[in-house]
Amino acid sequence: MKGKIVVLVLIIAGLSGYYYFTKKTVSGPEAPKQAPITLKKHSEGFNKSVDSLVSAYLSIKNAFVEGDTALAKQATKNFIAQVDRLPINELKKDTTT
């Protein structure tokens, strides 16, 4: 039984070595590197509106966690108002759009 196990281990080691040493590496043409994304700073007003938007979202989440549907409805109305006030044209400063 031990002899069969030793032979099996040697066969596996031999096949592994054969595969390792005969494996050909395929190297094709390298793709050109992409230019990094250029980010520009947003105005303070934009940052404040995003902060208030996140706060409104978190108040919706908290209302759902507490199970208060009336507060969730009010927080959702506040969130929608914050989304409507978000200056989307500032996002055009980034090259990601």
C-alpha atoms as a PDB file:
ATOM      1  CA  MET A   1       0.000   0.000   0.000  1.00  0.00           C
ATOM      2  CA  LYS A   2       2.809   2.413   0.880  1.00  0.00           C
ATOM      3  CA  GLY A   3       4.514   1.625  -2.401  1.00  0.00           C
ATOM      4  CA  LYS A   4       1.411   2.563  -4.383  1.00  0.00           C
ATOM      5  CA  ILE A   5       1.130   5.867  -2.548  1.00  0.00           C
ATOM      6  CA  VAL A   6       4.807   6.647  -3.168  1.00  0.00           C
ATOM      7  CA  VAL A   7       4.426   5.828  -6.873  1.00  0.00           C
ATOM      8  CA  LEU A   8       1.300   7.995  -7.092  1.00  0.00           C
ATOM      9  CA  VAL A   9       3.082  10.917  -5.402  1.00  0.00           C
ATOM     10  CA  LEU A  10       6.042  10.542  -7.787  1.00  0.00           C
ATOM     11  CA  ILE A  11       3.738  10.498 -10.814  1.00  0.00           C
ATOM     12  CA  ILE A  12       1.942  13.637  -9.616  1.00  0.00           C
ATOM     13  CA  ALA A  13       5.263  15.366  -8.911  1.00  0.00           C
ATOM     14  CA  GLY A  14       6.567  14.355 -12.342  1.00  0.00           C
ATOM     15  CA  LEU A  15       3.486  15.642 -14.132  1.00  0.00           C
ATOM     16  CA  SER A  16       3.613  18.873 -12.143  1.00  0.00           C
ATOM     17  CA  GLY A  17       7.282  19.386 -13.030  1.00  0.00           C
ATOM     18  CA  TYR A  18       6.621  18.576 -16.689  1.00  0.00           C
ATOM     19  CA  TYR A  19       3.776  21.095 -16.825  1.00  0.00           C
ATOM     20  CA  TYR A  20       5.819  23.757 -15.010  1.00  0.00           C
ATOM     21  CA  PHE A  21       8.892  23.471 -17.233  1.00  0.00           C
ATOM     22  CA  THR A  22       7.125  23.026 -20.572  1.00  0.00           C
ATOM     23  CA  LYS A  23       4.496  25.695 -20.097  1.00  0.00           C
ATOM     24  CA  LYS A  24       4.935  28.422 -22.673  1.00  0.00           C
ATOM     25  CA  THR A  25       4.194  31.971 -21.727  1.00  0.00           C
ATOM     26  CA  VAL A  26       2.057  33.774 -24.235  1.00  0.00           C
ATOM     27  CA  SER A  27       2.880  37.430 -24.443  1.00  0.00           C
ATOM     28  CA  GLY A  28       0.823  39.550 -26.741  1.00  0.00           C
ATOM     29  CA  PRO A  29       1.034  43.223 -27.439  1.00  0.00           C
ATOM     30  CA  GLU A  30       0.571  45.310 -24.352  1.00  0.00           C
ATOM     31  CA  ALA A  31      -2.398  47.616 -24.257  1.00  0.00           C
ATOM     32  CA  PRO A  32      -1.609  51.320 -23.962  1.00  0.00           C
ATOM     33  CA  LYS A  33      -1.954  52.711 -20.475  1.00  0.00           C
ATOM     34  CA  GLN A  34      -5.035  54.749 -19.786  1.00  0.00           C
ATOM     35  CA  ALA A  35      -4.699  58.340 -18.726  1.00  0.00           C
ATOM     36  CA  PRO A  36      -5.496  58.927 -15.057  1.00  0.00           C
ATOM     37  CA  ILE A  37      -8.794  60.543 -14.183  1.00  0.00           C
ATOM     38  CA  THR A  38      -8.514  64.250 -13.617  1.00  0.00           C
ATOM     39  CA  LEU A  39     -10.557  65.376 -10.656  1.00  0.00           C
ATOM     40  CA  LYS A  40     -11.153  68.997  -9.896  1.00  0.00           C
ATOM     41  CA  LYS A  41     -12.278  70.456  -6.629  1.00  0.00           C
ATOM     42  CA  HIS A  42     -15.902  71.374  -6.263  1.00  0.00           C
ATOM     43  CA  SER A  43     -17.166  74.576  -4.762  1.00  0.00           C
ATOM     44  CA  GLU A  44     -17.970  74.846  -1.077  1.00  0.00           C
ATOM     45  CA  GLY A  45     -21.673  75.219  -1.887  1.00  0.00           C
ATOM     46  CA  PHE A  46     -21.671  71.956  -3.816  1.00  0.00           C
ATOM     47  CA  ASN A  47     -19.918  70.145  -0.973  1.00  0.00           C
ATOM     48  CA  LYS A  48     -22.449  71.511   1.538  1.00  0.00           C
ATOM     49  CA  SER A  49     -25.368  70.420  -0.628  1.00  0.00           C
ATOM     50  CA  VAL A  50     -23.911  66.906  -0.909  1.00  0.00           C
ATOM     51  CA  ASP A  51     -23.434  66.823   2.863  1.00  0.00           C
ATOM     52  CA  SER A  52     -27.049  67.849   3.430  1.00  0.00           C
ATOM     53  CA  LEU A  53     -28.158  65.236   0.882  1.00  0.00           C
ATOM     54  CA  VAL A  54     -26.293  62.502   2.766  1.00  0.00           C
ATOM     55  CA  SER A  55     -27.764  63.722   6.060  1.00  0.00           C
ATOM     56  CA  ALA A  56     -31.257  63.582   4.576  1.00  0.00           C
ATOM     57  CA  TYR A  57     -30.618  60.038   3.362  1.00  0.00           C
ATOM     58  CA  LEU A  58     -29.395  58.983   6.798  1.00  0.00           C
ATOM     59  CA  SER A  59     -32.489  60.464   8.415  1.00  0.00           C
ATOM     60  CA  ILE A  60     -34.622  58.278   6.094  1.00  0.00           C
ATOM     61  CA  LYS A  61     -32.565  55.268   7.115  1.00  0.00           C
ATOM     62  CA  ASN A  62     -32.932  56.093  10.805  1.00  0.00           C
ATOM     63  CA  ALA A  63     -36.695  56.510  10.438  1.00  0.00           C
ATOM     64  CA  PHE A  64     -36.956  53.078   8.828  1.00  0.00           C
ATOM     65  CA  VAL A  65     -34.804  51.537  11.538  1.00  0.00           C
ATOM     66  CA  GLU A  66     -37.056  53.058  14.203  1.00  0.00           C
ATOM     67  CA  GLY A  67     -40.167  51.941  12.308  1.00  0.00           C
ATOM     68  CA  ASP A  68     -41.605  55.463  12.207  1.00  0.00           C
ATOM     69  CA  THR A  69     -43.402  55.750   8.879  1.00  0.00           C
ATOM     70  CA  ALA A  70     -44.500  59.348   9.408  1.00  0.00           C
ATOM     71  CA  LEU A  71     -40.916  60.421  10.058  1.00  0.00           C
ATOM     72  CA  ALA A  72     -39.762  58.367   7.063  1.00  0.00           C
ATOM     73  CA  LYS A  73     -42.287  60.127   4.832  1.00  0.00           C
ATOM     74  CA  GLN A  74     -41.184  63.564   6.060  1.00  0.00           C
ATOM     75  CA  ALA A  75     -37.503  62.654   5.680  1.00  0.00           C
ATOM     76  CA  THR A  76     -38.167  61.388   2.153  1.00  0.00           C
ATOM     77  CA  LYS A  77     -39.765  64.700   1.195  1.00  0.00           C
ATOM     78  CA  ASN A  78     -36.704  66.484   2.605  1.00  0.00           C
ATOM     79  CA  PHE A  79     -34.412  64.145   0.650  1.00  0.00           C
ATOM     80  CA  ILE A  80     -36.253  64.824  -2.611  1.00  0.00           C
ATOM     81  CA  ALA A  81     -35.997  68.563  -1.993  1.00  0.00           C
ATOM     82  CA  GLN A  82     -32.238  68.186  -1.376  1.00  0.00           C
ATOM     83  CA  VAL A  83     -31.834  66.211  -4.612  1.00  0.00           C
ATOM     84  CA  ASP A  84     -33.666  68.925  -6.540  1.00  0.00           C
ATOM     85  CA  ARG A  85     -31.328  71.580  -5.084  1.00  0.00           C
ATOM     86  CA  LEU A  86     -28.130  69.675  -5.958  1.00  0.00           C
ATOM     87  CA  PRO A  87     -26.141  71.665  -8.572  1.00  0.00           C
ATOM     88  CA  ILE A  88     -25.538  68.908 -11.120  1.00  0.00           C
ATOM     89  CA  ASN A  89     -23.613  71.205 -13.487  1.00  0.00           C
ATOM     90  CA  GLU A  90     -20.683  71.119 -11.046  1.00  0.00           C
ATOM     91  CA  LEU A  91     -20.199  67.437 -11.826  1.00  0.00           C
ATOM     92  CA  LYS A  92     -19.142  68.380 -15.350  1.00  0.00           C
ATOM     93  CA  LYS A  93     -15.807  69.511 -13.900  1.00  0.00           C
ATOM     94  CA  ASP A  94     -14.747  65.878 -13.568  1.00  0.00           C
ATOM     95  CA  THR A  95     -13.535  63.915 -16.567  1.00  0.00           C
ATOM     96  CA  THR A  96     -15.417  60.840 -15.352  1.00  0.00           C
ATOM     97  CA  THR A  97     -18.733  61.992 -16.839  1.00  0.00           C
END
